[in-house]
C-alpha atoms as a PDB file:
ATOM      1  CA  MET A   1     -27.916  16.516   5.086  1.00  0.00           C
ATOM      2  CA  ASN A   2     -24.513  17.191   3.555  1.00  0.00           C
ATOM      3  CA  ARG A   3     -22.969  18.280   6.821  1.00  0.00           C
ATOM      4  CA  ILE A   4     -23.190  16.654  10.174  1.00  0.00           C
ATOM      5  CA  ARG A   5     -24.160  18.796  13.130  1.00  0.00           C
ATOM      6  CA  ASN A   6     -24.290  17.759  16.804  1.00  0.00           C
ATOM      7  CA  SER A   7     -23.607  14.149  15.835  1.00  0.00           C
ATOM      8  CA  ALA A   8     -21.494  11.393  17.300  1.00  0.00           C
ATOM      9  CA  PHE A   9     -18.768  12.453  14.891  1.00  0.00           C
ATOM     10  CA  ASP A  10     -18.716  15.971  16.332  1.00  0.00           C
ATOM     11  CA  ARG A  11     -18.798  14.764  19.925  1.00  0.00           C
ATOM     12  CA  ALA A  12     -15.917  12.409  19.214  1.00  0.00           C
ATOM     13  CA  ARG A  13     -13.870  15.367  18.024  1.00  0.00           C
ATOM     14  CA  MET A  14     -13.920  16.713  21.559  1.00  0.00           C
ATOM     15  CA  ASN A  15     -12.259  13.627  23.046  1.00  0.00           C
ATOM     16  CA  ASN A  16      -8.933  11.823  22.578  1.00  0.00           C
ATOM     17  CA  MET A  17      -7.734  14.403  20.053  1.00  0.00           C
ATOM     18  CA  THR A  18      -4.088  14.633  21.038  1.00  0.00           C
ATOM     19  CA  THR A  19      -3.152  15.581  17.481  1.00  0.00           C
ATOM     20  CA  GLU A  20      -5.036  18.850  18.030  1.00  0.00           C
ATOM     21  CA  ASP A  21      -3.496  19.705  21.417  1.00  0.00           C
ATOM     22  CA  VAL A  22      -0.789  22.310  21.919  1.00  0.00           C
ATOM     23  CA  ASP A  23       2.444  20.781  23.193  1.00  0.00           C
ATOM     24  CA  LEU A  24       3.629  23.233  25.850  1.00  0.00           C
ATOM     25  CA  ARG A  25       7.232  22.213  25.236  1.00  0.00           C
ATOM     26  CA  PHE A  26       7.033  23.938  21.882  1.00  0.00           C
ATOM     27  CA  ALA A  27       4.723  26.830  22.697  1.00  0.00           C
ATOM     28  CA  ASP A  28       7.492  29.292  21.850  1.00  0.00           C
ATOM     29  CA  LEU A  29       8.799  27.353  18.851  1.00  0.00           C
ATOM     30  CA  ASP A  30       8.370  30.391  16.606  1.00  0.00           C
ATOM     31  CA  ALA A  31      10.765  32.365  18.836  1.00  0.00           C
ATOM     32  CA  TRP A  32      13.510  29.720  18.861  1.00  0.00           C
ATOM     33  CA  PRO A  33      16.629  29.987  16.711  1.00  0.00           C
ATOM     34  CA  LEU A  34      15.739  28.304  13.439  1.00  0.00           C
ATOM     35  CA  GLY A  35      18.409  25.652  13.874  1.00  0.00           C
ATOM     36  CA  SER A  36      16.916  24.606  17.202  1.00  0.00           C
ATOM     37  CA  ALA A  37      13.414  24.553  15.721  1.00  0.00           C
ATOM     38  CA  MET A  38      14.632  22.389  12.845  1.00  0.00           C
ATOM     39  CA  GLU A  39      16.210  19.940  15.277  1.00  0.00           C
ATOM     40  CA  ALA A  40      12.963  19.721  17.281  1.00  0.00           C
ATOM     41  CA  MET A  41      10.895  19.099  14.150  1.00  0.00           C
ATOM     42  CA  TRP A  42      13.357  16.453  12.975  1.00  0.00           C
ATOM     43  CA  GLU A  43      13.145  14.709  16.343  1.00  0.00           C
ATOM     44  CA  GLY A  44       9.363  14.799  15.988  1.00  0.00           C
ATOM     45  CA  GLN A  45       9.670  12.921  12.710  1.00  0.00           C
ATOM     46  CA  LEU A  46      11.842  10.289  14.378  1.00  0.00           C
ATOM     47  CA  ALA A  47       9.253   9.901  17.131  1.00  0.00           C
ATOM     48  CA  ALA A  48       6.564   9.377  14.498  1.00  0.00           C
ATOM     49  CA  VAL A  49       8.573   6.560  12.946  1.00  0.00           C
ATOM     50  CA  ALA A  50       9.175   4.953  16.344  1.00  0.00           C
ATOM     51  CA  ALA A  51       5.438   5.048  17.154  1.00  0.00           C
ATOM     52  CA  ILE A  52       4.765   2.600  14.327  1.00  0.00           C
ATOM     53  CA  GLY A  53       6.623  -0.272  15.979  1.00  0.00           C
ATOM     54  CA  HIS A  54       3.824  -1.113  18.412  1.00  0.00           C
ATOM     55  CA  ALA A  55       1.366  -1.437  15.511  1.00  0.00           C
ATOM     56  CA  LEU A  56       3.385  -3.865  13.389  1.00  0.00           C
ATOM     57  CA  PRO A  57       1.222  -6.898  14.333  1.00  0.00           C
ATOM     58  CA  ALA A  58      -1.929  -5.007  13.311  1.00  0.00           C
ATOM     59  CA  ILE A  59      -0.294  -3.807  10.087  1.00  0.00           C
ATOM     60  CA  THR A  60       0.816  -7.343   9.257  1.00  0.00           C
ATOM     61  CA  ALA A  61      -2.649  -8.769   9.913  1.00  0.00           C
ATOM     62  CA  ALA A  62      -4.202  -6.154   7.648  1.00  0.00           C
ATOM     63  CA  ALA A  63      -1.772  -6.884   4.804  1.00  0.00           C
ATOM     64  CA  GLU A  64      -2.314 -10.654   5.098  1.00  0.00           C
ATOM     65  CA  ALA A  65      -6.098 -10.238   4.996  1.00  0.00           C
ATOM     66  CA  ALA A  66      -5.816  -7.903   2.030  1.00  0.00           C
ATOM     67  CA  LYS A  67      -3.665 -10.340   0.066  1.00  0.00           C
ATOM     68  CA  THR A  68      -6.099 -13.179   0.745  1.00  0.00           C
ATOM     69  CA  ALA A  69      -9.114 -11.152  -0.347  1.00  0.00           C
ATOM     70  CA  LEU A  70      -7.707  -9.533  -3.479  1.00  0.00           C
ATOM     71  CA  GLY A  71      -7.226 -12.650  -5.598  1.00  0.00           C
ATOM     72  CA  ASP A  72      -7.168 -11.952  -9.327  1.00  0.00           C
ATOM     73  CA  HIS A  73      -9.833  -9.261  -9.447  1.00  0.00           C
ATOM     74  CA  GLY A  74     -10.021  -7.396  -6.119  1.00  0.00           C
ATOM     75  CA  ARG A  75      -9.236  -3.695  -5.900  1.00  0.00           C
ATOM     76  CA  ILE A  76      -7.341  -1.568  -3.416  1.00  0.00           C
ATOM     77  CA  VAL A  77      -9.491   1.442  -2.548  1.00  0.00           C
ATOM     78  CA  TYR A  78      -8.149   4.407  -0.588  1.00  0.00           C
ATOM     79  CA  VAL A  79     -10.495   6.684   1.371  1.00  0.00           C
ATOM     80  CA  GLY A  80      -9.519   9.973   2.966  1.00  0.00           C
ATOM     81  CA  ALA A  81      -9.871  13.717   3.254  1.00  0.00           C
ATOM     82  CA  GLY A  82      -7.422  16.600   3.356  1.00  0.00           C
ATOM     83  CA  THR A  83      -3.819  15.735   4.185  1.00  0.00           C
ATOM     84  CA  SER A  84      -4.632  12.101   4.934  1.00  0.00           C
ATOM     85  CA  GLY A  85      -6.421  11.725   1.604  1.00  0.00           C
ATOM     86  CA  ARG A  86      -3.471  13.144  -0.304  1.00  0.00           C
ATOM     87  CA  VAL A  87      -1.033  10.872   1.555  1.00  0.00           C
ATOM     88  CA  ALA A  88      -3.233   7.924   0.575  1.00  0.00           C
ATOM     89  CA  VAL A  89      -3.309   9.012  -3.068  1.00  0.00           C
ATOM     90  CA  GLN A  90       0.485   9.209  -3.088  1.00  0.00           C
ATOM     91  CA  ASP A  91       0.743   5.605  -1.941  1.00  0.00           C
ATOM     92  CA  GLY A  92      -1.828   4.261  -4.379  1.00  0.00           C
ATOM     93  CA  ALA A  93      -0.444   6.175  -7.343  1.00  0.00           C
ATOM     94  CA  GLU A  94       2.878   4.350  -6.981  1.00  0.00           C
ATOM     95  CA  LEU A  95       1.430   0.839  -7.170  1.00  0.00           C
ATOM     96  CA  THR A  96       1.324   0.702 -10.965  1.00  0.00           C
ATOM     97  CA  PRO A  97       4.847   1.979 -11.763  1.00  0.00           C
ATOM     98  CA  THR A  98       6.429  -0.003  -8.919  1.00  0.00           C
ATOM     99  CA  PHE A  99       4.527  -3.287  -9.038  1.00  0.00           C
ATOM    100  CA  ALA A 100       2.605  -3.111 -12.346  1.00  0.00           C
ATOM    101  CA  TRP A 101      -0.593  -3.233 -10.292  1.00  0.00           C
ATOM    102  CA  PRO A 102      -3.389  -2.677 -12.851  1.00  0.00           C
ATOM    103  CA  GLY A 103      -4.743   0.858 -12.795  1.00  0.00           C
ATOM    104  CA  LYS A 104      -8.308  -0.447 -12.865  1.00  0.00           C
ATOM    105  CA  ARG A 105      -7.612  -2.258  -9.586  1.00  0.00           C
ATOM    106  CA  VAL A 106      -6.840   0.865  -7.556  1.00  0.00           C
ATOM    107  CA  ARG A 107      -9.386   3.567  -6.728  1.00  0.00           C
ATOM    108  CA  PHE A 108      -9.398   6.784  -4.740  1.00  0.00           C
ATOM    109  CA  ILE A 109     -12.386   8.048  -2.782  1.00  0.00           C
ATOM    110  CA  VAL A 110     -11.360  11.473  -1.570  1.00  0.00           C
ATOM    111  CA  ALA A 111     -13.433  14.245  -0.034  1.00  0.00           C
ATOM    112  CA  GLY A 112     -13.868  16.940  -2.663  1.00  0.00           C
ATOM    113  CA  GLY A 113     -13.127  14.626  -5.591  1.00  0.00           C
ATOM    114  CA  ASP A 114     -10.106  14.602  -7.866  1.00  0.00           C
ATOM    115  CA  SER A 115      -9.467  18.334  -7.465  1.00  0.00           C
ATOM    116  CA  ALA A 116      -8.686  17.701  -3.787  1.00  0.00           C
ATOM    117  CA  PHE A 117      -5.564  15.757  -4.839  1.00  0.00           C
ATOM    118  CA  VAL A 118      -3.699  19.039  -5.287  1.00  0.00           C
ATOM    119  CA  THR A 119      -5.999  21.650  -3.710  1.00  0.00           C
ATOM    120  CA  SER A 120      -7.179  21.875  -0.120  1.00  0.00           C
ATOM    121  CA  ILE A 121     -10.978  21.574   0.079  1.00  0.00           C
ATOM    122  CA  GLU A 122     -11.310  21.409   3.837  1.00  0.00           C
ATOM    123  CA  GLY A 123     -15.105  21.694   4.104  1.00  0.00           C
ATOM    124  CA  ALA A 124     -15.526  18.553   2.038  1.00  0.00           C
ATOM    125  CA  GLU A 125     -14.432  16.379   4.957  1.00  0.00           C
ATOM    126  CA  ASP A 126     -17.878  16.775   6.565  1.00  0.00           C
ATOM    127  CA  ASP A 127     -19.805  15.653   3.477  1.00  0.00           C
ATOM    128  CA  VAL A 128     -21.045  12.249   4.540  1.00  0.00           C
ATOM    129  CA  ASP A 129     -23.498  11.981   1.660  1.00  0.00           C
ATOM    130  CA  ASP A 130     -20.677  12.380  -0.851  1.00  0.00           C
ATOM    131  CA  ALA A 131     -18.711   9.594   0.843  1.00  0.00           C
ATOM    132  CA  VAL A 132     -21.681   7.254   0.562  1.00  0.00           C
ATOM    133  CA  ARG A 133     -22.254   8.261  -3.080  1.00  0.00           C
ATOM    134  CA  GLN A 134     -18.630   7.577  -3.998  1.00  0.00           C
ATOM    135  CA  ILE A 135     -18.621   4.224  -2.221  1.00  0.00           C
ATOM    136  CA  ASN A 136     -21.862   3.206  -3.933  1.00  0.00           C
ATOM    137  CA  ALA A 137     -20.431   4.249  -7.307  1.00  0.00           C
ATOM    138  CA  ALA A 138     -17.399   2.034  -6.696  1.00  0.00           C
ATOM    139  CA  ARG A 139     -19.670  -1.048  -6.588  1.00  0.00           C
ATOM    140  CA  LEU A 140     -17.561  -2.741  -3.961  1.00  0.00           C
ATOM    141  CA  LYS A 141     -17.337  -6.498  -3.533  1.00  0.00           C
ATOM    142  CA  PRO A 142     -15.915  -8.747  -0.801  1.00  0.00           C
ATOM    143  CA  GLN A 143     -12.712  -9.098  -2.866  1.00  0.00           C
ATOM    144  CA  ASP A 144     -12.015  -5.369  -2.513  1.00  0.00           C
ATOM    145  CA  VAL A 145      -9.775  -3.897   0.183  1.00  0.00           C
ATOM    146  CA  VAL A 146     -10.651  -0.447   1.514  1.00  0.00           C
ATOM    147  CA  ILE A 147      -7.968   1.521   3.362  1.00  0.00           C
ATOM    148  CA  ALA A 148      -9.348   4.585   5.153  1.00  0.00           C
ATOM    149  CA  VAL A 149      -6.951   7.145   6.633  1.00  0.00           C
ATOM    150  CA  ALA A 150      -7.687   9.982   9.067  1.00  0.00           C
ATOM    151  CA  ALA A 151      -5.282  11.427  11.611  1.00  0.00           C
ATOM    152  CA  SER A 152      -8.128  12.415  13.926  1.00  0.00           C
ATOM    153  CA  GLY A 153      -9.958   9.137  13.451  1.00  0.00           C
ATOM    154  CA  THR A 154     -13.206  11.089  13.430  1.00  0.00           C
ATOM    155  CA  THR A 155     -13.377  12.701   9.974  1.00  0.00           C
ATOM    156  CA  PRO A 156     -17.054  12.287   8.962  1.00  0.00           C
ATOM    157  CA  PHE A 157     -16.357  11.672   5.253  1.00  0.00           C
ATOM    158  CA  THR A 158     -13.779   8.985   5.971  1.00  0.00           C
ATOM    159  CA  VAL A 159     -15.705   7.259   8.743  1.00  0.00           C
ATOM    160  CA  ALA A 160     -18.917   7.169   6.691  1.00  0.00           C
ATOM    161  CA  GLY A 161     -17.022   5.845   3.669  1.00  0.00           C
ATOM    162  CA  LEU A 162     -15.437   3.039   5.652  1.00  0.00           C
ATOM    163  CA  GLN A 163     -18.713   2.090   7.308  1.00  0.00           C
ATOM    164  CA  LYS A 164     -20.486   1.944   3.953  1.00  0.00           C
ATOM    165  CA  ALA A 165     -17.654  -0.130   2.489  1.00  0.00           C
ATOM    166  CA  GLY A 166     -18.088  -2.605   5.318  1.00  0.00           C
ATOM    167  CA  SER A 167     -21.745  -3.073   4.396  1.00  0.00           C
ATOM    168  CA  PHE A 168     -20.592  -4.498   1.048  1.00  0.00           C
ATOM    169  CA  GLY A 169     -18.398  -7.074   2.761  1.00  0.00           C
ATOM    170  CA  ALA A 170     -15.126  -5.453   1.680  1.00  0.00           C
ATOM    171  CA  VAL A 171     -12.024  -5.857   3.821  1.00  0.00           C
ATOM    172  CA  THR A 172     -11.854  -2.586   5.748  1.00  0.00           C
ATOM    173  CA  ILE A 173      -8.625  -1.185   7.172  1.00  0.00           C
ATOM    174  CA  GLY A 174      -8.724   1.951   9.298  1.00  0.00           C
ATOM    175  CA  LEU A 175      -5.614   4.000  10.057  1.00  0.00           C
ATOM    176  CA  ALA A 176      -5.805   6.752  12.690  1.00  0.00           C
ATOM    177  CA  ASN A 177      -3.464   8.642  15.026  1.00  0.00           C
ATOM    178  CA  ASN A 178      -5.869   9.034  17.951  1.00  0.00           C
ATOM    179  CA  PRO A 179      -7.205   6.180  20.116  1.00  0.00           C
ATOM    180  CA  GLY A 180     -10.812   5.283  20.784  1.00  0.00           C
ATOM    181  CA  THR A 181     -12.126   6.884  17.612  1.00  0.00           C
ATOM    182  CA  ALA A 182     -14.952   6.053  15.225  1.00  0.00           C
ATOM    183  CA  LEU A 183     -12.687   5.116  12.312  1.00  0.00           C
ATOM    184  CA  LEU A 184     -10.892   2.458  14.330  1.00  0.00           C
ATOM    185  CA  ALA A 185     -14.166   1.133  15.737  1.00  0.00           C
ATOM    186  CA  SER A 186     -15.613   0.851  12.207  1.00  0.00           C
ATOM    187  CA  ALA A 187     -12.680  -1.070  10.678  1.00  0.00           C
ATOM    188  CA  LYS A 188     -12.286  -4.840  10.519  1.00  0.00           C
ATOM    189  CA  PHE A 189      -8.571  -4.172  10.805  1.00  0.00           C
ATOM    190  CA  PRO A 190      -7.915  -1.062  12.924  1.00  0.00           C
ATOM    191  CA  ILE A 191      -4.397   0.378  13.016  1.00  0.00           C
ATOM    192  CA  LEU A 192      -3.624   2.956  15.680  1.00  0.00           C
ATOM    193  CA  ILE A 193      -0.427   4.991  15.416  1.00  0.00           C
ATOM    194  CA  GLU A 194      -0.263   7.256  18.458  1.00  0.00           C
ATOM    195  CA  THR A 195       1.965  10.080  17.269  1.00  0.00           C
ATOM    196  CA  GLY A 196       0.593  12.428  19.954  1.00  0.00           C
ATOM    197  CA  ARG A 197       0.773  16.209  19.903  1.00  0.00           C
ATOM    198  CA  GLU A 198       2.201  17.925  16.857  1.00  0.00           C
ATOM    199  CA  LEU A 199       4.943  20.510  17.314  1.00  0.00           C
ATOM    200  CA  ILE A 200       2.578  22.843  15.476  1.00  0.00           C
ATOM    201  CA  ALA A 201      -0.797  21.975  16.982  1.00  0.00           C
ATOM    202  CA  GLY A 202      -3.168  20.347  14.495  1.00  0.00           C
ATOM    203  CA  SER A 203      -0.627  20.301  11.654  1.00  0.00           C
ATOM    204  CA  THR A 204      -1.019  16.593  10.986  1.00  0.00           C
ATOM    205  CA  ARG A 205       0.966  16.889   7.770  1.00  0.00           C
ATOM    206  CA  MET A 206       3.955  16.531  10.096  1.00  0.00           C
ATOM    207  CA  LYS A 207       4.206  13.637  12.588  1.00  0.00           C
ATOM    208  CA  ALA A 208       0.847  12.039  11.789  1.00  0.00           C
ATOM    209  CA  GLY A 209       1.346  12.392   8.038  1.00  0.00           C
ATOM    210  CA  THR A 210       4.818  10.885   8.191  1.00  0.00           C
ATOM    211  CA  ALA A 211       3.535   7.900  10.152  1.00  0.00           C
ATOM    212  CA  GLN A 212       0.589   7.442   7.777  1.00  0.00           C
ATOM    213  CA  LYS A 213       2.863   7.381   4.741  1.00  0.00           C
ATOM    214  CA  ILE A 214       5.113   4.765   6.313  1.00  0.00           C
ATOM    215  CA  VAL A 215       2.194   2.546   7.360  1.00  0.00           C
ATOM    216  CA  LEU A 216       0.644   2.747   3.885  1.00  0.00           C
ATOM    217  CA  ASN A 217       4.042   1.864   2.407  1.00  0.00           C
ATOM    218  CA  LEU A 218       4.193  -1.177   4.674  1.00  0.00           C
ATOM    219  CA  ILE A 219       0.666  -2.349   3.886  1.00  0.00           C
ATOM    220  CA  SER A 220       0.871  -1.975   0.102  1.00  0.00           C
ATOM    221  CA  SER A 221       4.422  -3.322  -0.145  1.00  0.00           C
ATOM    222  CA  GLY A 222       3.507  -6.236   2.138  1.00  0.00           C
ATOM    223  CA  ILE A 223       0.574  -7.097  -0.110  1.00  0.00           C
ATOM    224  CA  MET A 224       2.819  -7.050  -3.170  1.00  0.00           C
ATOM    225  CA  LEU A 225       5.408  -9.231  -1.431  1.00  0.00           C
ATOM    226  CA  ARG A 226       2.750 -11.840  -0.694  1.00  0.00           C
ATOM    227  CA  LEU A 227       1.417 -11.636  -4.257  1.00  0.00           C
ATOM    228  CA  GLY A 228       4.838 -12.505  -5.686  1.00  0.00           C
ATOM    229  CA  ARG A 229       5.463  -9.100  -7.263  1.00  0.00           C
ATOM    230  CA  VAL A 230       8.864  -8.911  -5.580  1.00  0.00           C
ATOM    231  CA  TYR A 231      11.713 -11.423  -5.911  1.00  0.00           C
ATOM    232  CA  ARG A 232      14.977 -11.223  -3.975  1.00  0.00           C
ATOM    233  CA  GLY A 233      14.373  -7.570  -3.190  1.00  0.00           C
ATOM    234  CA  MET A 234      13.654  -6.640  -6.817  1.00  0.00           C
ATOM    235  CA  MET A 235      10.381  -5.339  -8.280  1.00  0.00           C
ATOM    236  CA  VAL A 236      10.111  -7.997 -10.959  1.00  0.00           C
ATOM    237  CA  ASN A 237       6.614  -6.948 -12.043  1.00  0.00           C
ATOM    238  CA  MET A 238       7.845  -3.490 -13.019  1.00  0.00           C
ATOM    239  CA  LEU A 239       7.095  -2.352 -16.565  1.00  0.00           C
ATOM    240  CA  PRO A 240      10.164  -0.926 -18.403  1.00  0.00           C
ATOM    241  CA  THR A 241       8.367   2.121 -19.808  1.00  0.00           C
ATOM    242  CA  ASN A 242      11.387   4.397 -20.201  1.00  0.00           C
ATOM    243  CA  ALA A 243      15.138   4.155 -20.769  1.00  0.00           C
ATOM    244  CA  LYS A 244      16.013   4.136 -17.063  1.00  0.00           C
ATOM    245  CA  LEU A 245      13.503   1.417 -16.258  1.00  0.00           C
ATOM    246  CA  LYS A 246      14.618  -0.620 -19.256  1.00  0.00           C
ATOM    247  CA  ARG A 247      18.190  -0.565 -17.954  1.00  0.00           C
ATOM    248  CA  ARG A 248      16.928  -1.550 -14.516  1.00  0.00           C
ATOM    249  CA  ALA A 249      14.898  -4.413 -15.993  1.00  0.00           C
ATOM    250  CA  GLU A 250      17.869  -5.697 -17.982  1.00  0.00           C
ATOM    251  CA  ALA A 251      20.022  -5.579 -14.847  1.00  0.00           C
ATOM    252  CA  MET A 252      17.404  -7.607 -12.960  1.00  0.00           C
ATOM    253  CA  VAL A 253      17.262 -10.254 -15.684  1.00  0.00           C
ATOM    254  CA  ALA A 254      21.055 -10.464 -15.798  1.00  0.00           C
ATOM    255  CA  LYS A 255      21.306 -10.781 -12.013  1.00  0.00           C
ATOM    256  CA  ILE A 256      18.562 -13.383 -11.552  1.00  0.00           C
ATOM    257  CA  ALA A 257      19.521 -15.487 -14.578  1.00  0.00           C
ATOM    258  CA  SER A 258      23.276 -15.014 -13.998  1.00  0.00           C
ATOM    259  CA  CYS A 259      23.818 -14.044 -17.622  1.00  0.00           C
ATOM    260  CA  ASP A 260      25.649 -11.237 -19.384  1.00  0.00           C
ATOM    261  CA  PRO A 261      23.882  -7.910 -20.099  1.00  0.00           C
ATOM    262  CA  PRO A 262      23.512  -8.422 -23.885  1.00  0.00           C
ATOM    263  CA  HIS A 263      21.822 -11.804 -23.341  1.00  0.00           C
ATOM    264  CA  ALA A 264      19.555 -10.240 -20.702  1.00  0.00           C
ATOM    265  CA  ALA A 265      18.621  -7.420 -23.087  1.00  0.00           C
ATOM    266  CA  ARG A 266      17.754  -9.869 -25.885  1.00  0.00           C
ATOM    267  CA  SER A 267      15.687 -11.999 -23.548  1.00  0.00           C
ATOM    268  CA  LEU A 268      13.797  -8.965 -22.275  1.00  0.00           C
ATOM    269  CA  GLU A 269      13.030  -7.888 -25.834  1.00  0.00           C
ATOM    270  CA  GLN A 270      11.847 -11.392 -26.747  1.00  0.00           C
ATOM    271  CA  ALA A 271       9.605 -11.378 -23.650  1.00  0.00           C
ATOM    272  CA  GLY A 272       7.981  -8.095 -24.653  1.00  0.00           C
ATOM    273  CA  GLY A 273       9.374  -6.356 -21.576  1.00  0.00           C
ATOM    274  CA  ASP A 274       8.057  -8.910 -19.063  1.00  0.00           C
ATOM    275  CA  ILE A 275      10.897  -9.379 -16.590  1.00  0.00           C
ATOM    276  CA  LYS A 276       9.818 -12.751 -15.204  1.00  0.00           C
ATOM    277  CA  THR A 277       9.351 -14.275 -18.627  1.00  0.00           C
ATOM    278  CA  ALA A 278      12.668 -12.786 -19.721  1.00  0.00           C
ATOM    279  CA  VAL A 279      14.451 -14.451 -16.798  1.00  0.00           C
ATOM    280  CA  LEU A 280      13.141 -17.851 -17.820  1.00  0.00           C
ATOM    281  CA  LEU A 281      14.006 -17.255 -21.480  1.00  0.00           C
ATOM    282  CA  ALA A 282      17.524 -16.260 -20.444  1.00  0.00           C
ATOM    283  CA  LEU A 283      17.767 -19.569 -18.573  1.00  0.00           C
ATOM    284  CA  GLY A 284      16.842 -21.477 -21.732  1.00  0.00           C
ATOM    285  CA  VAL A 285      13.175 -22.175 -20.999  1.00  0.00           C
ATOM    286  CA  ASP A 286      10.903 -22.187 -24.051  1.00  0.00           C
ATOM    287  CA  ARG A 287       8.602 -19.140 -24.299  1.00  0.00           C
ATOM    288  CA  SER A 288       5.367 -21.142 -24.123  1.00  0.00           C
ATOM    289  CA  ASP A 289       6.684 -23.230 -21.224  1.00  0.00           C
ATOM    290  CA  ALA A 290       7.803 -20.087 -19.419  1.00  0.00           C
ATOM    291  CA  GLU A 291       4.388 -18.494 -19.725  1.00  0.00           C
ATOM    292  CA  ALA A 292       2.653 -21.708 -18.672  1.00  0.00           C
ATOM    293  CA  VAL A 293       4.708 -22.239 -15.516  1.00  0.00           C
ATOM    294  CA  LEU A 294       4.331 -18.575 -14.544  1.00  0.00           C
ATOM    295  CA  LYS A 295       0.574 -18.891 -14.903  1.00  0.00           C
ATOM    296  CA  ASP A 296       0.500 -22.098 -12.875  1.00  0.00           C
ATOM    297  CA  CYS A 297       2.496 -20.410 -10.110  1.00  0.00           C
ATOM    298  CA  ASP A 298       0.398 -17.204 -10.097  1.00  0.00           C
ATOM    299  CA  GLY A 299       3.361 -15.249 -11.393  1.00  0.00           C
ATOM    300  CA  ASN A 300       5.432 -15.995  -8.290  1.00  0.00           C
ATOM    301  CA  LEU A 301       9.011 -16.403  -9.517  1.00  0.00           C
ATOM    302  CA  ARG A 302      10.183 -18.088  -6.326  1.00  0.00           C
ATOM    303  CA  ARG A 303       7.483 -20.736  -6.745  1.00  0.00           C
ATOM    304  CA  VAL A 304       8.454 -21.119 -10.402  1.00  0.00           C
ATOM    305  CA  PHE A 305      12.048 -21.911  -9.496  1.00  0.00           C
ATOM    306  CA  ALA A 306      10.909 -24.353  -6.824  1.00  0.00           C
ATOM    307  CA  GLU A 307       8.697 -26.130  -9.361  1.00  0.00           C
ATOM    308  CA  LEU A 308      11.420 -26.244 -12.003  1.00  0.00           C
ATOM    309  CA  ALA A 309      13.853 -27.630  -9.423  1.00  0.00           C
ATOM    310  CA  ALA A 310      11.313 -30.283  -8.457  1.00  0.00           C
ATOM    311  CA  ASP A 311      10.927 -31.253 -12.119  1.00  0.00           C
ATOM    312  CA  VAL A 312      14.699 -31.614 -12.448  1.00  0.00           C
ATOM    313  CA  ASP A 313      14.797 -33.815  -9.352  1.00  0.00           C
ATOM    314  CA  ASP A 314      11.936 -35.965 -10.681  1.00  0.00           C
ATOM    315  CA  ASN A 315      13.712 -36.430 -14.017  1.00  0.00           C
ATOM    316  CA  ARG A 316      16.928 -37.331 -12.229  1.00  0.00           C
ATOM    317  CA  GLU A 317      15.130 -39.922 -10.097  1.00  0.00           C
ATOM    318  CA  ARG A 318      13.426 -41.443 -13.141  1.00  0.00           C
ATOM    319  CA  LYS A 319      16.716 -41.734 -14.980  1.00  0.00           C
ATOM    320  CA  GLN A 320      18.351 -43.291 -11.932  1.00  0.00           C
ATOM    321  CA  SER A 321      15.500 -45.751 -11.612  1.00  0.00           C
ATOM    322  CA  VAL A 322      15.853 -46.798 -15.246  1.00  0.00           C
ATOM    323  CA  ALA A 323      19.609 -47.117 -14.872  1.00  0.00           C
ATOM    324  CA  ASN A 324      19.193 -49.367 -11.850  1.00  0.00           C
ATOM    325  CA  LYS A 325      16.881 -51.825 -13.608  1.00  0.00           C
ATOM    326  CA  PRO A 326      18.519 -55.208 -14.389  1.00  0.00           C
END
């Protein structure tokens, strides 16, 4: 059956669904002066941000597990429907331009398919069979990380997708805005963000959506931090694919290598646009040595500098030892 009827999913929808409840404080929101309504909606956004604080340990645990699993070949897979699916797509789409995360290592499993990225296909959220088909087509492995997002925590497509992903041994992360729901129960790493009633009942594009976007930002950025794709607050894996990004890359090389802009620009050109390699070239490291040490350190620039410093110390000790011989 493509649609679930009278199932556990449907029964769960009747319980713990605060995101669907009318908040009596705002029952007459449409009659308020617009300025007052705007202030109330803004305060709702602030409350959504504050609700994330309690979940930081769970978010951190999920990011750590994801980093450990991904290795050199694992993929980040987002699963969702409706608003939550589109919020997830927004996060995943930014991984390549921000962190040079390979496009083949990110995948979207969204109810309704690619067309749902920009068009609302609400009925698709009940299509459990499609969720299973898409998960099967992804050929998941234990190295893959699946992040499923649903404000309700009961969306049949999303729950079924996460459960199927778990059967392949993938790391499963579930993000929901209602407690005690099937999505959280199905995830190895459940993340509950209790944003409560929406000012406009059921409009989870507001408080719930804001919280989801922030949590996804934290998870994906945390993964990239641990993978060494950030150094001293800079996205050193970024690809300089346009004039603005080229200027940004040159500025990064100049700052990290403490060199002048022309030298940074030459080094970046010699490195074929690779910022980390360019930094080492700007510091006088041979190209082949730069590439070798980056490979040995899994591309982590902080580890590279620690290793180079250790080599300098070793050389200094050897020279001192020779000098001290009678």
